[in-house]
Amino acid sequence: MKYFKLIRRNLFRNKMRAVMTTLLMAVIFFFVATLLSILESFDRFSDAGKGANRLVVQSAISLANVLPFAHEAKLRQIPGVADVCKVQWIGAYYKEKSNFFANFAIDHDHMATVFDDYKVDPKQFEDFKADRRGALVGAGLMKRFGWKIGDRITLSRQIFSYDPELTIRGVYTHPVNDAALYFHMDYHQQSMNNFALVGTFWLKITDPAKMAAISQQIDAMFKNSQDPTETVTEKAFQSSFLAMMGNIKLLFTSICSCAIFMVVLLAGITMSMSARERVTEVAVLKAIGFGRRLVMSLMLVEFILLTLFGGLVGVIGGRLIFSVVPMDKLTQGFLMGFEIFPGVMAICIALAALVGVLAGGWPASTATRMSVVDGLRRVV
């Protein structure tokens, strides 16, 4: 601590350069933290809910193909299957196409058993079940549109040939997915003239250790039928949606890597300039008894503090910004509850310190390696 005053004075000896370097670090680490937090949001979405005891049965041809209701009876006969719930993606929107969110028709009689991590007030859930046109809406979605229980809403069609006219009967909460809407499969079937087809069957499994075996058994059962199936875990099913957008994780990771490489180069240039200007000062310190390692350590601490402070400004500023900016509205419900996550903040702060080491190590070593005589007679 006795060298802190010296480090502080050297840190801000050129105030303009120090401020600009800090801002550069802040902007880049804000950018990196944002991308990493988006990836974290994707991972949390893939891990949503309990999920370890749910399987999804879909068409082996494509997710756009539907399966007959008749599959349900056979699925229920499989040992280890506790319950089955039919779910159909509707893909409608509210008033304008920009007001898009996840909306499904669901078998309400089996929803509570299969999706037991969706928490609903019992009275509201009973009201939802009793109303053929009732809707169950996530708390985040209610907040987004300012809805309240009892409101009547109409969704506009995009896939199916009707506009769902619904009454909000209940609000559910969920650790991750709180921005979806569910309404009765019966109402959907009636509107579609009872065509008895559905997109997916969701299965509650009694023993998660048997999920792989049950998946194979299901697909083998329907392999030679007119409607073959593909059975996957909930996490794999959720991840398939992200896969439709390409390898986002690889893209974002590559961008972050390029950003870190760029900031190392820019910080290295700035710190080389600073070290070059202080050659004579370093020689004086060595002449009055400061060892090379001590001088090098002081310079390196200074450089690390500079990048660390910039990184802190970037990630803390990002956390504050995203606590105010409504990302759910800006991304049309794609990023609900978005924030700079604590784990991402820790990674970015560690990266900021590493940038200081990588960018400042060589200039500090070069400046302190010069002899006292050469340093004193060198004119910068």
Foldseek 3Di string as FASTA:
>chain_A
DVCPVVLVCLLCVPVVLLVVLLQLLQVLLLVLLQLVLVVVLLLCLLPWDVLLQKKKKFFPVDLPDWDFLVLQVVLVPDPQFPHKKFKAWFFWAFPDPLLTFTEIAIALVCCCPQRVQWDKDPVLSVVQVVDQQEKEAFPLQCVVVVHDAQDWGWTGGDDDDDIRIHGYRIYIYTPRPRGYMYHHPVSVCVVVVNPRIGSMMMTGGPDSVCQVVSQVVQQVVCVPPPGGIHMDGSSVVSVVVVCVVPPSVVVSVVVSVVSLVVSLVVLLVSLLVSLVVCLLVLLVCVVVPDDLVRQLVSSLVSLLVSLLSSSVSNQVVQQVVVVPDQVCSVVSNPRPPRGSDPVSSVVSSVSSSVSSCSSNVVSSNVSSVDHSVCSNPDDD
